Structure formats: C-alpha cells, structure tokens
Amino acid sequence: MKKILITGITGYIGGTVAKKLLEKNYNVTGLVRNETDVKKLEQLGIESIIGSIHDETVLKAAVSNADTIIHTADSADDAYAADSFIRLLEGSDKTFIFTSGSAIFGGKENGEKNDFVFTEDIPLNPRLEMASRVLINQYVLQSAKKNIRSIVIVPTMVYGTGLGLKKDSIQLPALINFSKEKGFGVYFGKGENIWSNLHIEDLADMYILALEKAKPGSLYYAENGSSTIKNLAENISRQYNLLPPQSVSIQEAVNTFGPAGGYFGFASNSLCSSDKAKIELGWTPTYNSIEKFI
C-alpha cells in the first residue's frame, strides 16, 4: 500500500496527511484542480494529477495507479464523488479512506447543551439536514462487501497549524475572525453547546494508522477533548484582548456562516468518543487543549 492518491491535497487535512505519509516513505500523489498548485506540491515531494473529482476519466487513471485512495476533498456531502470512487474500486481490494464530518451528531439545539456522547456502535438518527451525509457514510462502509477496504473517519472540530499548503482549519479561525470584527468573543444563543475537538497532527496520525491497521468497513470518530462554544469565546476574548464575550443571535450566525455553519457548525452539539480508534488502531493523540492553541 505504498502508492497513495489523496484528493484535497492542497487542503488542510489532505495536506497534513500527505506530509506525514511522506515522512514514512509512502509515495504520494495528489489530485489537484489548478496547475498553479503543481509546482508548490513538487517542492514538498508530491506528484500531481490535474483534474476534478467529477471527471471519471481522470479518476479512473488516477485510481488505477494507486494502492490507496484517501478522499478529503470537500467530501462529506458529495455523493457523486463517493459513488464514482466506489464503482471504480469495486473488486480491487484497494483501500478507500473517506472523510466525513461530525455535524452528523448535531440536533440543531441553537446553543443549548446536550452532553450525550456518541460512539460508533450507536445508530444515528440524523436531522434531515445531515441525513444525506450519514447515508453516504453507510454507502462507503457497505462497499466492503464489494471487495473494497473501505474506511470512514469522522473528524470533529480540528485545530492547529496544518503541515501542508493550507495552514488553517475552518471553524475556529472563522470564530476568531468574526469575534475580531465584533470586538468581543462571540457565542450563539447560550453558547452551552459542546463540540469535541482534536489537533490536526493527531488526526493525520489516525489516518495513517487506519491505512495500516483498519479492517474493511471500519468507522472511526476522531476527538481528543471538548469545549463549549462559550468557552472558546471566553478564550478568544482573553487572548486577543477583546471585550468580554457576548451572545449573538442564531440568525446572525446563519447570516454569517450559512445555514449549515450557523445551525450546526456553531450552535449544535457534536460530542463523541474516540475510544474505538485508541483500542483498535493504537491511536495515542498528543494534543488535548484547544484553549492552549487559541
């Protein structure tokens, strides 16, 4: 499994996973949309294939030359790309690692607390807005019956500096920037909703361990700590010398970050356990404080 194809390799997760794989002497190729990224990746020791995840001619050639595909390119809601990869990989016994997202746990609680902790063996009954994401995950996992070594990883709120071309994550920088605009640390509603979180390097380590050890049809939740959004706002106020944190309406969150970001990214709960990855893969995360990173 030394030849790895990564989609989203110029992104935050894909780039960091690629860097860690190179350090372990894997051969890494990235699928990129823009020719301008080719030279940047070459400098990191990464080969490139130019094309889209929705161009099946490109995908077929790329998949044929790889032992493992790690899909991180805006993948959680893209059923078309997931289906293309499954059809191309059917019967190959190759590894397909798919990246989901933990908004699937969200109950649209509008800043209210829900401290229920999800584990992989608990059946999900997602809200309508996240139902397709759960169906995609199930479809990928069930492809193990088609002789594909399929694995789904569900990251929570990721923080830390990326090792690839993209250095910043999405949620925490967005909350920091919005707080700077407002002049105070921002939370939404009561801000008591809880998000599990983990450091980008610990997440990348999980991908590599899953590549090396996971059984076909495996699902892993990725976290190493948790925080309320209000706690993040308090730390942002303190570290960036802003006014004390204040509540902002859920509607303003939706107006600023879109419905998915507002209702689920910042106002829902997303709390899970990564014990399965620790037990089955021997995953031992190093970082445990998003507050220290802020």
Protein backbone atom coordinates (compact mmCIF):
# COMPACT_ATOMS: atom_id res chain seq x y z
CA MET A 1 0.00 0.00 0.00
CA LYS A 2 2.86 2.36 -0.65
CA LYS A 3 1.25 4.32 -3.51
CA ILE A 4 -1.27 6.78 -2.10
CA LEU A 5 -3.65 9.05 -4.00
CA ILE A 6 -5.04 11.97 -1.98
CA THR A 7 -7.89 14.21 -3.05
CA GLY A 8 -7.98 17.62 -1.41
CA ILE A 9 -4.21 17.50 -1.07
CA THR A 10 -3.93 21.30 -1.17
CA GLY A 11 -6.37 21.48 1.74
CA TYR A 12 -5.89 21.45 5.49
CA ILE A 13 -6.46 17.75 6.26
CA GLY A 14 -5.21 16.31 2.96
CA GLY A 15 -2.00 18.33 3.03
CA THR A 16 -1.17 17.35 6.59
CA VAL A 17 -1.87 13.67 5.96
CA ALA A 18 0.35 13.86 2.85
CA LYS A 19 3.24 15.37 4.81
CA LYS A 20 3.01 12.66 7.47
CA LEU A 21 2.88 9.93 4.81
CA LEU A 22 5.98 11.30 3.08
CA GLU A 23 7.82 11.17 6.40
CA LYS A 24 7.00 7.44 6.50
CA ASN A 25 8.33 6.93 2.95
CA TYR A 26 4.99 6.50 1.21
CA ASN A 27 4.70 7.57 -2.41
CA VAL A 28 2.08 10.34 -2.50
CA THR A 29 0.18 11.72 -5.48
CA GLY A 30 -2.39 14.47 -5.25
CA LEU A 31 -5.41 15.17 -7.42
CA VAL A 32 -5.48 18.94 -7.98
CA ARG A 33 -7.76 21.26 -9.94
CA ASN A 34 -5.29 24.06 -10.65
CA GLU A 35 -2.00 23.84 -12.50
CA THR A 36 -0.64 26.58 -10.25
CA ASP A 37 -0.58 24.10 -7.36
CA VAL A 38 1.61 21.56 -9.18
CA LYS A 39 4.92 23.31 -8.54
CA LYS A 40 4.02 24.02 -4.92
CA LEU A 41 3.37 20.33 -4.35
CA GLU A 42 6.52 19.30 -6.22
CA GLN A 43 8.53 21.32 -3.72
CA LEU A 44 7.02 19.15 -0.97
CA GLY A 45 7.89 15.96 -2.86
CA ILE A 46 4.34 15.28 -4.04
CA GLU A 47 3.39 14.32 -7.57
CA SER A 48 0.21 15.78 -9.08
CA ILE A 49 -2.61 14.75 -11.35
CA ILE A 50 -4.64 17.66 -12.72
CA GLY A 51 -8.37 17.10 -12.80
CA SER A 52 -11.68 17.12 -10.97
CA ILE A 53 -13.17 14.51 -8.66
CA HIS A 54 -16.17 14.62 -11.02
CA ASP A 55 -14.17 13.69 -14.12
CA GLU A 56 -14.37 9.90 -14.21
CA THR A 57 -11.77 9.56 -16.96
CA VAL A 58 -9.23 11.31 -14.74
CA LEU A 59 -10.35 9.37 -11.69
CA LYS A 60 -10.09 6.01 -13.43
CA ALA A 61 -6.47 6.64 -14.44
CA ALA A 62 -5.57 8.02 -11.02
CA VAL A 63 -7.17 5.13 -9.14
CA SER A 64 -5.55 2.50 -11.35
CA ASN A 65 -2.09 3.72 -10.34
CA ALA A 66 -2.76 3.84 -6.60
CA ASP A 67 -2.96 1.23 -3.85
CA THR A 68 -4.91 3.51 -1.52
CA ILE A 69 -7.20 6.49 -2.07
CA ILE A 70 -7.62 9.00 0.76
CA HIS A 71 -10.56 11.25 -0.05
CA THR A 72 -10.53 14.59 1.80
CA ALA A 73 -11.75 16.99 -0.91
CA ASP A 74 -14.98 18.57 0.41
CA SER A 75 -16.19 15.02 0.53
CA ALA A 76 -18.71 14.70 3.35
CA ASP A 77 -21.74 15.82 1.32
CA ASP A 78 -20.64 14.80 -2.17
CA ALA A 79 -22.49 11.61 -3.05
CA TYR A 80 -21.46 11.84 -6.71
CA ALA A 81 -17.74 11.62 -5.97
CA ALA A 82 -18.25 8.87 -3.39
CA ASP A 83 -20.23 6.79 -5.87
CA SER A 84 -17.63 7.31 -8.60
CA PHE A 85 -14.83 6.06 -6.37
CA ILE A 86 -16.82 3.04 -5.18
CA ARG A 87 -17.67 1.98 -8.74
CA LEU A 88 -14.07 2.41 -9.88
CA LEU A 89 -12.70 0.48 -6.91
CA GLU A 90 -15.21 -2.37 -6.87
CA GLY A 91 -13.48 -5.76 -6.74
CA SER A 92 -9.99 -4.23 -6.46
CA ASP A 93 -9.28 -4.96 -2.77
CA LYS A 94 -7.79 -1.46 -2.62
CA THR A 95 -8.12 0.83 0.37
CA PHE A 96 -10.55 3.77 0.30
CA ILE A 97 -10.47 6.18 3.26
CA PHE A 98 -13.39 8.60 3.23
CA THR A 99 -13.59 11.82 5.25
CA SER A 100 -16.92 12.68 6.84
CA GLY A 101 -17.76 15.32 9.46
CA SER A 102 -19.22 15.30 12.96
CA ALA A 103 -22.07 17.71 12.27
CA ILE A 104 -23.97 14.42 11.78
CA PHE A 105 -24.38 14.40 15.57
CA GLY A 106 -25.98 17.85 15.64
CA GLY A 107 -29.51 18.30 16.92
CA LYS A 108 -29.97 21.93 15.87
CA GLU A 109 -30.03 22.87 19.56
CA ASN A 110 -29.49 26.60 18.95
CA GLY A 111 -26.81 26.98 21.61
CA GLU A 112 -28.44 24.73 24.23
CA LYS A 113 -26.38 22.00 25.89
CA ASN A 114 -26.69 18.30 25.05
CA ASP A 115 -23.91 16.24 26.63
CA PHE A 116 -24.79 12.88 25.05
CA VAL A 117 -21.60 11.19 23.79
CA PHE A 118 -21.85 9.25 20.52
CA THR A 119 -19.84 6.09 19.88
CA GLU A 120 -19.57 4.22 16.60
CA ASP A 121 -21.92 1.45 17.69
CA ILE A 122 -24.84 3.84 18.37
CA PRO A 123 -27.19 4.00 15.36
CA LEU A 124 -27.58 7.55 14.10
CA ASN A 125 -30.94 9.16 13.52
CA PRO A 126 -29.71 12.42 11.99
CA ARG A 127 -31.74 15.52 11.35
CA LEU A 128 -32.97 15.96 7.79
CA GLU A 129 -30.18 18.43 7.03
CA MET A 130 -27.49 15.83 7.79
CA ALA A 131 -29.28 12.69 6.62
CA SER A 132 -27.52 12.52 3.25
CA ARG A 133 -24.12 12.69 4.95
CA VAL A 134 -24.97 9.66 7.09
CA LEU A 135 -26.27 7.77 4.05
CA ILE A 136 -23.03 8.47 2.19
CA ASN A 137 -21.02 7.13 5.13
CA GLN A 138 -23.11 3.97 5.19
CA TYR A 139 -22.74 3.52 1.44
CA VAL A 140 -18.95 3.78 1.71
CA LEU A 141 -18.79 1.33 4.62
CA GLN A 142 -21.04 -1.19 2.87
CA SER A 143 -18.71 -1.16 -0.13
CA ALA A 144 -16.55 -3.53 1.91
CA LYS A 145 -18.95 -6.19 0.56
CA LYS A 146 -17.70 -5.26 -2.93
CA ASN A 147 -14.12 -6.17 -2.08
CA ILE A 148 -13.07 -2.63 -1.19
CA ARG A 149 -11.18 -1.97 2.03
CA SER A 150 -13.42 0.96 2.92
CA ILE A 151 -12.84 3.14 5.99
CA VAL A 152 -14.72 6.24 7.16
CA ILE A 153 -13.12 8.79 9.50
CA VAL A 154 -15.30 11.42 11.20
CA PRO A 155 -13.23 14.40 12.40
CA THR A 156 -14.69 16.77 14.98
CA MET A 157 -13.58 20.42 15.38
CA VAL A 158 -9.98 20.38 14.13
CA TYR A 159 -7.44 22.95 15.29
CA GLY A 160 -3.69 23.50 14.95
CA THR A 161 -1.36 24.53 12.16
CA GLY A 162 -1.54 22.39 9.04
CA LEU A 163 1.66 20.84 7.68
CA GLY A 164 0.71 21.22 4.00
CA LEU A 165 -0.14 24.20 1.82
CA LYS A 166 -3.21 25.18 3.86
CA LYS A 167 -2.30 26.12 7.41
CA ASP A 168 -5.68 26.96 8.95
CA SER A 169 -8.80 24.95 9.73
CA ILE A 170 -12.32 26.28 9.18
CA GLN A 171 -14.38 26.57 12.36
CA LEU A 172 -12.00 28.05 14.92
CA PRO A 173 -10.42 30.66 12.59
CA ALA A 174 -13.92 31.68 11.44
CA LEU A 175 -15.00 32.17 15.05
CA ILE A 176 -11.84 34.14 15.83
CA ASN A 177 -12.21 36.39 12.78
CA PHE A 178 -15.90 37.02 13.48
CA SER A 179 -15.06 37.86 17.09
CA LYS A 180 -12.41 40.34 15.95
CA GLU A 181 -14.97 42.02 13.69
CA LYS A 182 -17.42 42.28 16.57
CA GLY A 183 -14.80 43.36 19.09
CA PHE A 184 -15.72 40.60 21.55
CA GLY A 185 -15.60 36.82 21.77
CA VAL A 186 -18.73 35.52 20.09
CA TYR A 187 -21.01 32.65 21.03
CA PHE A 188 -24.53 31.92 19.82
CA GLY A 189 -27.63 31.71 21.98
CA LYS A 190 -26.50 30.44 25.38
CA GLY A 191 -23.28 29.08 23.85
CA GLU A 192 -23.54 26.00 26.04
CA ASN A 193 -23.43 23.59 23.10
CA ILE A 194 -20.40 21.30 23.15
CA TRP A 195 -18.05 20.31 20.36
CA SER A 196 -15.46 17.56 20.55
CA ASN A 197 -12.15 18.64 19.05
CA LEU A 198 -8.68 17.42 18.12
CA HIS A 199 -5.36 18.64 16.76
CA ILE A 200 -4.66 18.32 13.04
CA GLU A 201 -1.48 16.29 13.56
CA ASP A 202 -3.27 13.79 15.80
CA LEU A 203 -5.97 13.48 13.13
CA ALA A 204 -3.37 12.84 10.43
CA ASP A 205 -1.83 10.13 12.61
CA MET A 206 -5.23 8.44 12.81
CA TYR A 207 -5.48 8.36 9.01
CA ILE A 208 -2.11 6.63 8.76
CA LEU A 209 -2.94 4.10 11.47
CA ALA A 210 -6.26 3.38 9.76
CA LEU A 211 -4.40 2.90 6.48
CA GLU A 212 -2.04 0.44 8.12
CA LYS A 213 -4.34 -1.42 10.52
CA ALA A 214 -8.08 -0.94 9.98
CA LYS A 215 -10.38 -3.72 8.87
CA PRO A 216 -12.66 -3.25 5.85
CA GLY A 217 -15.89 -1.45 6.74
CA SER A 218 -14.40 0.38 9.72
CA LEU A 219 -15.78 3.67 11.09
CA TYR A 220 -13.78 5.89 13.44
CA TYR A 221 -14.77 9.03 15.34
CA ALA A 222 -11.83 11.41 15.87
CA GLU A 223 -11.60 13.55 19.01
CA ASN A 224 -9.34 14.26 21.96
CA GLY A 225 -11.16 16.74 24.15
CA SER A 226 -14.20 19.01 24.02
CA SER A 227 -15.29 22.56 24.69
CA THR A 228 -18.42 24.68 24.71
CA ILE A 229 -18.60 27.47 22.14
CA LYS A 230 -18.92 29.94 25.01
CA ASN A 231 -15.64 28.66 26.48
CA LEU A 232 -13.95 29.20 23.11
CA ALA A 233 -15.38 32.74 23.02
CA GLU A 234 -14.01 33.45 26.51
CA ASN A 235 -10.55 32.31 25.47
CA ILE A 236 -10.71 34.31 22.25
CA SER A 237 -11.65 37.46 24.19
CA ARG A 238 -8.77 36.97 26.58
CA GLN A 239 -6.08 36.02 24.06
CA TYR A 240 -6.95 38.71 21.51
CA ASN A 241 -7.59 41.48 24.07
CA LEU A 242 -11.22 41.84 23.06
CA LEU A 243 -14.21 42.84 25.16
CA PRO A 244 -15.80 40.12 27.33
CA PRO A 245 -17.70 37.51 25.33
CA GLN A 246 -21.27 38.18 24.27
CA SER A 247 -24.11 36.19 22.79
CA VAL A 248 -25.12 36.75 19.17
CA SER A 249 -28.40 35.51 17.71
CA ILE A 250 -28.64 32.23 15.86
CA GLN A 251 -29.99 34.16 12.89
CA GLU A 252 -26.82 36.24 12.71
CA ALA A 253 -24.79 33.02 12.78
CA VAL A 254 -26.85 31.73 9.84
CA ASN A 255 -26.48 35.05 8.01
CA THR A 256 -22.71 34.99 8.52
CA PHE A 257 -21.81 31.30 8.10
CA GLY A 258 -24.76 29.96 6.10
CA PRO A 259 -27.41 27.56 7.42
CA ALA A 260 -25.06 24.58 7.85
CA GLY A 261 -22.40 26.66 9.57
CA GLY A 262 -24.82 28.62 11.70
CA TYR A 263 -27.17 25.91 12.90
CA PHE A 264 -24.72 23.01 13.01
CA GLY A 265 -21.14 24.34 12.92
CA PHE A 266 -21.61 26.80 15.78
CA ALA A 267 -24.97 26.25 17.50
CA SER A 268 -25.40 22.46 17.70
CA ASN A 269 -23.70 19.87 19.88
CA SER A 270 -21.17 17.47 18.38
CA LEU A 271 -19.84 15.22 21.10
CA CYS A 272 -18.33 11.78 20.56
CA SER A 273 -15.73 9.31 21.82
CA SER A 274 -12.61 8.09 20.00
CA ASP A 275 -12.06 5.06 22.24
CA LYS A 276 -12.56 2.71 19.30
CA ALA A 277 -9.60 4.18 17.39
CA LYS A 278 -7.45 4.09 20.52
CA ILE A 279 -8.25 0.42 21.12
CA GLU A 280 -8.29 -0.96 17.56
CA LEU A 281 -5.58 1.19 15.97
CA GLY A 282 -3.39 2.01 18.95
CA TRP A 283 -4.01 5.71 18.32
CA THR A 284 -2.39 7.84 21.03
CA PRO A 285 -3.14 11.54 20.45
CA THR A 286 -0.66 14.03 21.84
CA TYR A 287 -2.56 17.32 21.99
CA ASN A 288 -5.52 17.81 24.33
CA SER A 289 -6.18 21.55 24.65
CA ILE A 290 -7.82 23.73 22.04
CA GLU A 291 -7.61 26.55 24.60
CA LYS A 292 -3.82 26.45 24.57
CA PHE A 293 -3.86 26.71 20.78
CA ILE A 294 -6.10 29.77 20.92
